[in-house]
Amino acid sequence: MNIGDVARQSGVPPKTIRYYEDIGLIRPNRSENGYRAFTENHVHKLAFLGRARALGFTIEDCRTLLSLYEDENRESMQVKAVAEEHLRQIEEKIEKLQSMRTTLTDLVEKCAGDHRPDCPILADLSPVQLSE
């Protein structure tokens, strides 16, 4: 099947499929005239990669997960370790975002938002006050 067919079936755009090929995540067959020739197995791998990327896994995590997916002798603890590390990173990002939200909410509440030039938001962003 061609790249358009595999894109429709896997839900991964052709541009992304070409990128995955460029970085070696997938390796489609090539016909005599040089066209990519995909199999049903490629569709499954691309759908797998699409789902992993939608969950925020990095390309390198996807490479690891795909390798484990293809390895029938894998141990689930290897897969779990990758997922746990990704979850830890997500939780860390959430904590940072919550802290940012708290700070920004406080600054917005302190800002009068009127015609005066005084602004606690700008004061907080600036390490020093500009002098005239």
Protein backbone atom coordinates (compact mmCIF):
# COMPACT_ATOMS: atom_id res chain seq x y z
CA MET A 1 0.00 0.00 0.00
CA ASN A 2 1.15 3.57 -0.57
CA ILE A 3 1.83 6.33 1.95
CA GLY A 4 -1.64 7.83 1.56
CA ASP A 5 -3.30 4.52 2.34
CA VAL A 6 -1.13 3.84 5.36
CA ALA A 7 -1.66 7.41 6.59
CA ARG A 8 -5.45 7.01 6.45
CA GLN A 9 -5.39 3.61 8.14
CA SER A 10 -2.91 4.52 10.88
CA GLY A 11 -4.07 8.09 11.53
CA VAL A 12 -0.49 9.37 11.10
CA PRO A 13 0.04 12.14 8.50
CA PRO A 14 2.26 11.37 5.48
CA LYS A 15 4.76 14.07 6.52
CA THR A 16 5.18 12.37 9.91
CA ILE A 17 5.53 8.97 8.25
CA ARG A 18 8.34 10.35 6.08
CA TYR A 19 9.98 11.80 9.19
CA TYR A 20 9.72 8.47 11.02
CA GLU A 21 11.35 6.85 8.02
CA ASP A 22 14.13 9.47 7.95
CA ILE A 23 14.99 8.82 11.60
CA GLY A 24 14.73 5.05 11.24
CA LEU A 25 11.60 4.39 13.30
CA ILE A 26 9.98 2.60 10.39
CA ARG A 27 11.50 1.08 7.29
CA PRO A 28 9.05 0.67 4.42
CA ASN A 29 9.96 -1.54 1.52
CA ARG A 30 10.85 0.14 -1.74
CA SER A 31 9.49 -0.92 -5.11
CA GLU A 32 11.72 -1.08 -8.20
CA ASN A 33 10.74 2.46 -9.10
CA GLY A 34 11.66 3.71 -5.60
CA TYR A 35 8.16 4.17 -4.22
CA ARG A 36 7.51 3.30 -0.61
CA ALA A 37 5.55 0.09 -0.18
CA PHE A 38 3.90 -0.36 3.19
CA THR A 39 2.44 -3.49 4.74
CA GLU A 40 -0.26 -4.05 7.33
CA ASN A 41 2.56 -4.38 9.89
CA HIS A 42 3.64 -0.81 9.09
CA VAL A 43 0.08 0.36 9.73
CA HIS A 44 0.15 -1.26 13.17
CA LYS A 45 3.55 0.22 14.03
CA LEU A 46 2.49 3.68 12.88
CA ALA A 47 -0.75 3.52 14.87
CA PHE A 48 1.35 2.42 17.87
CA LEU A 49 3.71 5.37 17.38
CA GLY A 50 0.80 7.77 16.91
CA ARG A 51 -0.76 6.67 20.19
CA ALA A 52 2.58 6.84 22.02
CA ARG A 53 3.22 10.36 20.70
CA ALA A 54 -0.33 11.40 21.68
CA LEU A 55 0.55 10.32 25.23
CA GLY A 56 3.60 12.58 25.07
CA PHE A 57 6.35 10.00 24.79
CA THR A 58 9.53 11.37 23.23
CA ILE A 59 10.85 10.01 19.95
CA GLU A 60 13.55 8.14 21.86
CA ASP A 61 10.94 6.69 24.23
CA CYS A 62 8.94 5.66 21.15
CA ARG A 63 12.04 4.01 19.70
CA THR A 64 12.48 2.06 22.94
CA LEU A 65 8.80 1.17 23.22
CA LEU A 66 8.64 0.06 19.59
CA SER A 67 11.70 -2.10 20.10
CA LEU A 68 10.08 -3.67 23.16
CA TYR A 69 6.78 -4.08 21.26
CA GLU A 70 8.62 -6.04 18.57
CA ASP A 71 10.58 -8.15 21.08
CA GLU A 72 8.56 -11.22 22.04
CA ASN A 73 11.05 -11.94 24.84
CA ARG A 74 10.64 -8.55 26.48
CA GLU A 75 9.92 -8.21 30.15
CA SER A 76 6.98 -6.01 31.06
CA MET A 77 9.11 -4.34 33.74
CA GLN A 78 11.15 -2.76 30.93
CA VAL A 79 8.02 -1.24 29.41
CA LYS A 80 6.76 -0.16 32.82
CA ALA A 81 10.07 1.57 33.60
CA VAL A 82 9.78 3.72 30.46
CA ALA A 83 6.16 4.59 31.26
CA GLU A 84 6.91 5.33 34.92
CA GLU A 85 9.72 7.72 33.98
CA HIS A 86 7.44 9.49 31.51
CA LEU A 87 4.72 9.73 34.17
CA ARG A 88 7.25 11.19 36.62
CA GLN A 89 8.17 13.85 34.07
CA ILE A 90 4.50 14.67 33.45
CA GLU A 91 3.86 15.03 37.17
CA GLU A 92 6.88 17.33 37.46
CA LYS A 93 5.54 19.49 34.62
CA ILE A 94 2.11 19.62 36.27
CA GLU A 95 3.68 20.83 39.53
CA LYS A 96 5.56 23.55 37.67
CA LEU A 97 2.42 24.60 35.80
CA GLN A 98 0.42 24.75 39.04
CA SER A 99 3.12 26.92 40.60
CA MET A 100 3.09 29.19 37.55
CA ARG A 101 -0.69 29.41 37.75
CA THR A 102 -0.62 30.34 41.43
CA THR A 103 1.99 33.06 40.84
CA LEU A 104 0.26 34.48 37.79
CA THR A 105 -3.16 34.43 39.48
CA ASP A 106 -1.69 36.39 42.40
CA LEU A 107 -0.08 38.93 40.07
CA VAL A 108 -3.25 39.40 38.02
CA GLU A 109 -5.27 39.95 41.19
CA LYS A 110 -2.77 42.58 42.41
CA CYS A 111 -2.80 44.49 39.13
CA ALA A 112 -5.40 47.25 39.05
CA GLY A 113 -5.62 47.08 35.27
CA ASP A 114 -6.47 50.76 35.03
CA HIS A 115 -4.95 53.88 33.46
CA ARG A 116 -2.06 54.11 35.95
CA PRO A 117 1.40 52.91 34.87
CA ASP A 118 2.08 50.93 38.05
CA CYS A 119 1.85 47.24 37.32
CA PRO A 120 2.82 44.45 39.72
CA ILE A 121 3.04 42.02 36.80
CA LEU A 122 5.78 44.03 35.09
CA ALA A 123 7.46 44.69 38.43
CA ASP A 124 7.61 40.96 39.11
CA LEU A 125 8.99 40.17 35.64
CA SER A 126 11.72 42.79 35.86
CA PRO A 127 14.79 42.09 38.01
CA VAL A 128 15.47 45.83 38.26
CA GLN A 129 13.38 48.94 37.92
CA LEU A 130 14.13 51.01 34.85
CA SER A 131 15.12 54.59 35.61
CA GLU A 132 14.33 57.53 33.42
